[in-house]
Amino acid sequence: MRKLTTVLFLFSAIAVFGQAEDCYPKKPRGLVADQVDIFSPHEEQALEAKLQQFSNETSNQIVVVTIAELCEGDAAMTAFKIGETWGVGNKEFDNGLVILIKPTGGSGQRRTFIATGYGLEGAIPDATAKLIVDQEMIPSFKNGDYFGGTSKAITVITGLAQGEYDFATYQKQSRGNPLAAIIPILFVIGMWFFLMYR
């Protein structure tokens, strides 16, 4: 996660560097650090198994972290700092990824961010990572389904990382068919003309 160096520079104006180091959760033995207990034990085990399988089958590594406070005052800064200090991914290839979830706070205070190392940026650019948050995670989170949203995001991320499809295909699928939104309107207009001429 050497990408942290660049992010530190970009966000230095808003980052809070004076935060105590103990604000960050300690590196877990596994790949899921649920500090806020948004997952049941069964759900956490399911996520852990999914992440461990991906880690064992590839050289990439994903961790899921839930946190009550943003130690750097910013979700991106906090996620990249965790990736760097925990050593997520292979150091040589910088192919780690951190899914950060801050479910606490009122409206506008909750945050979700996906931080990718340079080694995964080719498969999962920043714009795609944000799209995964918006399309796969937030809708489920709004319904209180943190496990479902996180699991769906992991499925997309692993598919992209393993080359099952590329980010352009995912983005196209996420946008959907633009005609779908105007078909009902065209139907109403057609019916109106039909009745008028009849």
C-alpha atoms as a PDB file:
ATOM      1  CA  MET A   1       0.000   0.000   0.000  1.00  0.00           C
ATOM      2  CA  ARG A   2       2.761   2.465  -0.913  1.00  0.00           C
ATOM      3  CA  LYS A   3       0.044   4.588  -2.479  1.00  0.00           C
ATOM      4  CA  LEU A   4      -0.241   6.111   0.999  1.00  0.00           C
ATOM      5  CA  THR A   5       2.680   8.453   0.230  1.00  0.00           C
ATOM      6  CA  THR A   6       0.770  10.154  -2.567  1.00  0.00           C
ATOM      7  CA  VAL A   7      -2.446  10.281  -0.593  1.00  0.00           C
ATOM      8  CA  LEU A   8      -0.680  11.840   2.384  1.00  0.00           C
ATOM      9  CA  PHE A   9       0.472  14.646   0.122  1.00  0.00           C
ATOM     10  CA  LEU A  10      -2.924  15.178  -1.480  1.00  0.00           C
ATOM     11  CA  PHE A  11      -4.861  15.192   1.761  1.00  0.00           C
ATOM     12  CA  SER A  12      -2.334  16.840   4.063  1.00  0.00           C
ATOM     13  CA  ALA A  13      -4.419  20.004   4.175  1.00  0.00           C
ATOM     14  CA  ILE A  14      -7.350  18.186   5.761  1.00  0.00           C
ATOM     15  CA  ALA A  15      -5.699  15.317   7.604  1.00  0.00           C
ATOM     16  CA  VAL A  16      -5.374  15.330  11.353  1.00  0.00           C
ATOM     17  CA  PHE A  17      -1.871  14.073  12.005  1.00  0.00           C
ATOM     18  CA  GLY A  18      -2.008  14.665  15.739  1.00  0.00           C
ATOM     19  CA  GLN A  19      -4.311  11.727  16.398  1.00  0.00           C
ATOM     20  CA  ALA A  20      -2.949   9.152  18.830  1.00  0.00           C
ATOM     21  CA  GLU A  21      -1.649   5.957  17.294  1.00  0.00           C
ATOM     22  CA  ASP A  22      -3.966   3.895  19.498  1.00  0.00           C
ATOM     23  CA  CYS A  23      -6.893   5.311  17.516  1.00  0.00           C
ATOM     24  CA  TYR A  24      -6.117   2.662  14.903  1.00  0.00           C
ATOM     25  CA  PRO A  25      -7.252  -0.902  15.516  1.00  0.00           C
ATOM     26  CA  LYS A  26      -4.502  -3.434  16.014  1.00  0.00           C
ATOM     27  CA  LYS A  27      -3.770  -5.724  13.119  1.00  0.00           C
ATOM     28  CA  PRO A  28      -6.067  -8.747  13.437  1.00  0.00           C
ATOM     29  CA  ARG A  29      -5.002 -12.335  12.985  1.00  0.00           C
ATOM     30  CA  GLY A  30      -7.443 -12.663  10.120  1.00  0.00           C
ATOM     31  CA  LEU A  31      -8.656 -10.366   7.363  1.00  0.00           C
ATOM     32  CA  VAL A  32     -11.776  -8.963   9.038  1.00  0.00           C
ATOM     33  CA  ALA A  33     -11.461  -6.387  11.822  1.00  0.00           C
ATOM     34  CA  ASP A  34     -15.021  -5.638  12.920  1.00  0.00           C
ATOM     35  CA  GLN A  35     -14.389  -3.013  15.602  1.00  0.00           C
ATOM     36  CA  VAL A  36     -18.020  -1.817  15.615  1.00  0.00           C
ATOM     37  CA  ASP A  37     -19.663  -5.271  15.620  1.00  0.00           C
ATOM     38  CA  ILE A  38     -21.826  -4.719  12.568  1.00  0.00           C
ATOM     39  CA  PHE A  39     -21.402  -8.370  11.549  1.00  0.00           C
ATOM     40  CA  SER A  40     -22.703 -11.375  13.450  1.00  0.00           C
ATOM     41  CA  PRO A  41     -20.118 -14.068  14.296  1.00  0.00           C
ATOM     42  CA  HIS A  42     -21.492 -16.202  11.454  1.00  0.00           C
ATOM     43  CA  GLU A  43     -21.290 -13.306   8.982  1.00  0.00           C
ATOM     44  CA  GLU A  44     -17.756 -12.469  10.044  1.00  0.00           C
ATOM     45  CA  GLN A  45     -16.712 -16.090   9.543  1.00  0.00           C
ATOM     46  CA  ALA A  46     -18.286 -16.102   6.083  1.00  0.00           C
ATOM     47  CA  LEU A  47     -16.430 -12.927   5.065  1.00  0.00           C
ATOM     48  CA  GLU A  48     -13.193 -14.268   6.533  1.00  0.00           C
ATOM     49  CA  ALA A  49     -13.504 -17.501   4.573  1.00  0.00           C
ATOM     50  CA  LYS A  50     -14.202 -15.596   1.360  1.00  0.00           C
ATOM     51  CA  LEU A  51     -11.184 -13.317   1.844  1.00  0.00           C
ATOM     52  CA  GLN A  52      -8.855 -16.117   2.901  1.00  0.00           C
ATOM     53  CA  GLN A  53      -9.759 -18.157  -0.171  1.00  0.00           C
ATOM     54  CA  PHE A  54      -9.022 -15.175  -2.417  1.00  0.00           C
ATOM     55  CA  SER A  55      -5.733 -14.505  -0.635  1.00  0.00           C
ATOM     56  CA  ASN A  56      -4.659 -18.144  -0.923  1.00  0.00           C
ATOM     57  CA  GLU A  57      -5.568 -18.401  -4.603  1.00  0.00           C
ATOM     58  CA  THR A  58      -3.920 -15.136  -5.669  1.00  0.00           C
ATOM     59  CA  SER A  59      -1.087 -12.877  -4.578  1.00  0.00           C
ATOM     60  CA  ASN A  60      -3.624 -10.157  -3.712  1.00  0.00           C
ATOM     61  CA  GLN A  61      -5.068  -9.467  -0.284  1.00  0.00           C
ATOM     62  CA  ILE A  62      -8.233  -7.726   0.913  1.00  0.00           C
ATOM     63  CA  VAL A  63      -9.061  -6.684   4.467  1.00  0.00           C
ATOM     64  CA  VAL A  64     -12.371  -5.396   5.821  1.00  0.00           C
ATOM     65  CA  VAL A  65     -12.213  -2.886   8.664  1.00  0.00           C
ATOM     66  CA  THR A  66     -15.095  -1.302  10.558  1.00  0.00           C
ATOM     67  CA  ILE A  67     -14.185   1.646  12.731  1.00  0.00           C
ATOM     68  CA  ALA A  68     -16.026   4.117  14.948  1.00  0.00           C
ATOM     69  CA  GLU A  69     -13.788   7.116  14.269  1.00  0.00           C
ATOM     70  CA  LEU A  70     -11.667   8.300  11.350  1.00  0.00           C
ATOM     71  CA  CYS A  71      -8.229   8.612  12.904  1.00  0.00           C
ATOM     72  CA  GLU A  72      -6.930  10.924  10.193  1.00  0.00           C
ATOM     73  CA  GLY A  73     -10.160  12.894   9.942  1.00  0.00           C
ATOM     74  CA  ASP A  74     -10.735  11.472   6.470  1.00  0.00           C
ATOM     75  CA  ALA A  75     -11.859   8.047   5.243  1.00  0.00           C
ATOM     76  CA  ALA A  76      -9.262   7.807   2.465  1.00  0.00           C
ATOM     77  CA  MET A  77      -6.386   8.785   4.749  1.00  0.00           C
ATOM     78  CA  THR A  78      -7.478   6.347   7.430  1.00  0.00           C
ATOM     79  CA  ALA A  79      -7.922   3.460   4.976  1.00  0.00           C
ATOM     80  CA  PHE A  80      -4.546   3.977   3.319  1.00  0.00           C
ATOM     81  CA  LYS A  81      -2.796   4.347   6.689  1.00  0.00           C
ATOM     82  CA  ILE A  82      -4.293   1.052   7.843  1.00  0.00           C
ATOM     83  CA  GLY A  83      -3.174  -0.630   4.636  1.00  0.00           C
ATOM     84  CA  GLU A  84       0.338   0.718   5.075  1.00  0.00           C
ATOM     85  CA  THR A  85       0.804  -0.005   8.773  1.00  0.00           C
ATOM     86  CA  TRP A  86      -0.765  -3.457   8.600  1.00  0.00           C
ATOM     87  CA  GLY A  87       1.204  -4.381   5.497  1.00  0.00           C
ATOM     88  CA  VAL A  88      -1.862  -5.428   3.507  1.00  0.00           C
ATOM     89  CA  GLY A  89      -0.914  -7.294   0.347  1.00  0.00           C
ATOM     90  CA  ASN A  90       2.467  -8.288  -1.008  1.00  0.00           C
ATOM     91  CA  LYS A  91       5.052  -5.608  -0.272  1.00  0.00           C
ATOM     92  CA  GLU A  92       6.830  -6.204  -3.576  1.00  0.00           C
ATOM     93  CA  PHE A  93       3.674  -5.854  -5.692  1.00  0.00           C
ATOM     94  CA  ASP A  94       1.737  -3.403  -3.478  1.00  0.00           C
ATOM     95  CA  ASN A  95      -1.423  -5.373  -4.213  1.00  0.00           C
ATOM     96  CA  GLY A  96      -3.408  -4.873  -1.026  1.00  0.00           C
ATOM     97  CA  LEU A  97      -6.899  -3.453  -0.716  1.00  0.00           C
ATOM     98  CA  VAL A  98      -8.707  -2.074   2.340  1.00  0.00           C
ATOM     99  CA  ILE A  99     -12.489  -1.862   2.625  1.00  0.00           C
ATOM    100  CA  LEU A 100     -13.129   0.718   5.348  1.00  0.00           C
ATOM    101  CA  ILE A 101     -16.586   1.114   6.881  1.00  0.00           C
ATOM    102  CA  LYS A 102     -17.502   3.790   9.419  1.00  0.00           C
ATOM    103  CA  PRO A 103     -21.162   3.072  10.227  1.00  0.00           C
ATOM    104  CA  THR A 104     -21.376   5.423  13.212  1.00  0.00           C
ATOM    105  CA  GLY A 105     -22.667   8.982  13.390  1.00  0.00           C
ATOM    106  CA  GLY A 106     -25.660  10.784  11.991  1.00  0.00           C
ATOM    107  CA  SER A 107     -26.611  11.583   8.422  1.00  0.00           C
ATOM    108  CA  GLY A 108     -23.559  12.666   6.456  1.00  0.00           C
ATOM    109  CA  GLN A 109     -21.117  11.353   9.049  1.00  0.00           C
ATOM    110  CA  ARG A 110     -21.022   7.707   8.008  1.00  0.00           C
ATOM    111  CA  ARG A 111     -18.289   6.787   5.547  1.00  0.00           C
ATOM    112  CA  THR A 112     -17.315   3.875   3.318  1.00  0.00           C
ATOM    113  CA  PHE A 113     -14.108   3.824   1.306  1.00  0.00           C
ATOM    114  CA  ILE A 114     -12.115   1.314  -0.734  1.00  0.00           C
ATOM    115  CA  ALA A 115      -8.353   1.941  -0.783  1.00  0.00           C
ATOM    116  CA  THR A 116      -6.348   0.083  -3.432  1.00  0.00           C
ATOM    117  CA  GLY A 117      -2.597  -0.313  -3.661  1.00  0.00           C
ATOM    118  CA  TYR A 118      -0.790   0.597  -6.872  1.00  0.00           C
ATOM    119  CA  GLY A 119      -0.575  -3.054  -7.846  1.00  0.00           C
ATOM    120  CA  LEU A 120      -4.359  -3.324  -8.118  1.00  0.00           C
ATOM    121  CA  GLU A 121      -5.088   0.045  -9.696  1.00  0.00           C
ATOM    122  CA  GLY A 122      -4.926  -1.383 -13.207  1.00  0.00           C
ATOM    123  CA  ALA A 123      -7.805  -3.739 -12.427  1.00  0.00           C
ATOM    124  CA  ILE A 124      -9.639  -1.511  -9.941  1.00  0.00           C
ATOM    125  CA  PRO A 125      -9.113   2.220 -10.614  1.00  0.00           C
ATOM    126  CA  ASP A 126     -10.219   4.721  -7.983  1.00  0.00           C
ATOM    127  CA  ALA A 127     -13.342   5.611  -9.986  1.00  0.00           C
ATOM    128  CA  THR A 128     -14.329   1.932 -10.089  1.00  0.00           C
ATOM    129  CA  ALA A 129     -13.688   1.537  -6.367  1.00  0.00           C
ATOM    130  CA  LYS A 130     -16.050   4.441  -5.691  1.00  0.00           C
ATOM    131  CA  LEU A 131     -18.636   2.942  -8.035  1.00  0.00           C
ATOM    132  CA  ILE A 132     -18.471  -0.333  -6.094  1.00  0.00           C
ATOM    133  CA  VAL A 133     -19.148   1.584  -2.883  1.00  0.00           C
ATOM    134  CA  ASP A 134     -22.072   3.462  -4.444  1.00  0.00           C
ATOM    135  CA  GLN A 135     -23.609   0.525  -6.321  1.00  0.00           C
ATOM    136  CA  GLU A 136     -22.894  -2.524  -4.167  1.00  0.00           C
ATOM    137  CA  MET A 137     -22.468  -1.274  -0.615  1.00  0.00           C
ATOM    138  CA  ILE A 138     -24.452   1.883   0.156  1.00  0.00           C
ATOM    139  CA  PRO A 139     -27.879   0.595  -1.041  1.00  0.00           C
ATOM    140  CA  SER A 140     -27.565  -2.464   1.231  1.00  0.00           C
ATOM    141  CA  PHE A 141     -26.162  -0.415   4.103  1.00  0.00           C
ATOM    142  CA  LYS A 142     -29.189   1.901   3.954  1.00  0.00           C
ATOM    143  CA  ASN A 143     -31.340  -1.161   4.602  1.00  0.00           C
ATOM    144  CA  GLY A 144     -29.165  -2.199   7.524  1.00  0.00           C
ATOM    145  CA  ASP A 145     -27.594  -5.072   5.586  1.00  0.00           C
ATOM    146  CA  TYR A 146     -23.890  -4.494   6.167  1.00  0.00           C
ATOM    147  CA  PHE A 147     -22.967  -8.091   5.495  1.00  0.00           C
ATOM    148  CA  GLY A 148     -24.819  -8.231   2.179  1.00  0.00           C
ATOM    149  CA  GLY A 149     -23.308  -4.981   0.916  1.00  0.00           C
ATOM    150  CA  THR A 150     -19.793  -5.944   1.958  1.00  0.00           C
ATOM    151  CA  SER A 151     -20.103  -9.426   0.482  1.00  0.00           C
ATOM    152  CA  LYS A 152     -21.330  -8.055  -2.852  1.00  0.00           C
ATOM    153  CA  ALA A 153     -18.440  -5.587  -2.960  1.00  0.00           C
ATOM    154  CA  ILE A 154     -15.932  -8.381  -2.307  1.00  0.00           C
ATOM    155  CA  THR A 155     -17.462 -10.465  -5.091  1.00  0.00           C
ATOM    156  CA  VAL A 156     -17.029  -7.609  -7.577  1.00  0.00           C
ATOM    157  CA  ILE A 157     -13.500  -6.797  -6.375  1.00  0.00           C
ATOM    158  CA  THR A 158     -12.291 -10.393  -6.610  1.00  0.00           C
ATOM    159  CA  GLY A 159     -13.858 -10.744 -10.047  1.00  0.00           C
ATOM    160  CA  LEU A 160     -12.059  -7.640 -11.280  1.00  0.00           C
ATOM    161  CA  ALA A 161      -8.758  -8.628  -9.680  1.00  0.00           C
ATOM    162  CA  GLN A 162      -8.887 -12.115 -11.199  1.00  0.00           C
ATOM    163  CA  GLY A 163      -9.766 -10.804 -14.648  1.00  0.00           C
ATOM    164  CA  GLU A 164     -13.222 -12.383 -14.859  1.00  0.00           C
ATOM    165  CA  TYR A 165     -14.305  -9.036 -16.357  1.00  0.00           C
ATOM    166  CA  ASP A 166     -12.693  -5.615 -16.610  1.00  0.00           C
ATOM    167  CA  PHE A 167     -13.640  -2.347 -14.954  1.00  0.00           C
ATOM    168  CA  ALA A 168     -15.062  -0.929 -18.197  1.00  0.00           C
ATOM    169  CA  THR A 169     -17.509  -3.838 -18.408  1.00  0.00           C
ATOM    170  CA  TYR A 170     -18.487  -3.414 -14.764  1.00  0.00           C
ATOM    171  CA  GLN A 171     -19.037   0.315 -15.189  1.00  0.00           C
ATOM    172  CA  LYS A 172     -21.187  -0.302 -18.269  1.00  0.00           C
ATOM    173  CA  GLN A 173     -23.272  -2.894 -16.443  1.00  0.00           C
ATOM    174  CA  SER A 174     -23.667  -0.604 -13.435  1.00  0.00           C
ATOM    175  CA  ARG A 175     -25.063   2.185 -15.595  1.00  0.00           C
ATOM    176  CA  GLY A 176     -27.625  -0.254 -16.976  1.00  0.00           C
ATOM    177  CA  ASN A 177     -29.648   0.217 -20.126  1.00  0.00           C
ATOM    178  CA  PRO A 178     -30.404   3.941 -20.641  1.00  0.00           C
ATOM    179  CA  LEU A 179     -33.544   3.013 -22.607  1.00  0.00           C
ATOM    180  CA  ALA A 180     -35.064   1.370 -19.550  1.00  0.00           C
ATOM    181  CA  ALA A 181     -35.824   4.739 -17.964  1.00  0.00           C
ATOM    182  CA  ILE A 182     -37.608   6.180 -21.013  1.00  0.00           C
ATOM    183  CA  ILE A 183     -39.587   3.123 -22.153  1.00  0.00           C
ATOM    184  CA  PRO A 184     -42.507   3.900 -19.786  1.00  0.00           C
ATOM    185  CA  ILE A 185     -42.594   7.484 -21.076  1.00  0.00           C
ATOM    186  CA  LEU A 186     -42.601   6.324 -24.689  1.00  0.00           C
ATOM    187  CA  PHE A 187     -45.390   3.892 -23.874  1.00  0.00           C
ATOM    188  CA  VAL A 188     -47.581   6.643 -22.388  1.00  0.00           C
ATOM    189  CA  ILE A 189     -46.931   8.929 -25.375  1.00  0.00           C
ATOM    190  CA  GLY A 190     -47.751   6.099 -27.763  1.00  0.00           C
ATOM    191  CA  MET A 191     -50.999   5.344 -25.977  1.00  0.00           C
ATOM    192  CA  TRP A 192     -51.953   9.015 -26.045  1.00  0.00           C
ATOM    193  CA  PHE A 193     -51.426   9.229 -29.824  1.00  0.00           C
ATOM    194  CA  PHE A 194     -53.302   5.971 -30.303  1.00  0.00           C
ATOM    195  CA  LEU A 195     -56.334   7.218 -28.363  1.00  0.00           C
ATOM    196  CA  MET A 196     -56.258  10.641 -30.016  1.00  0.00           C
ATOM    197  CA  TYR A 197     -56.199   9.268 -33.560  1.00  0.00           C
ATOM    198  CA  ARG A 198     -58.749   6.603 -32.725  1.00  0.00           C
END
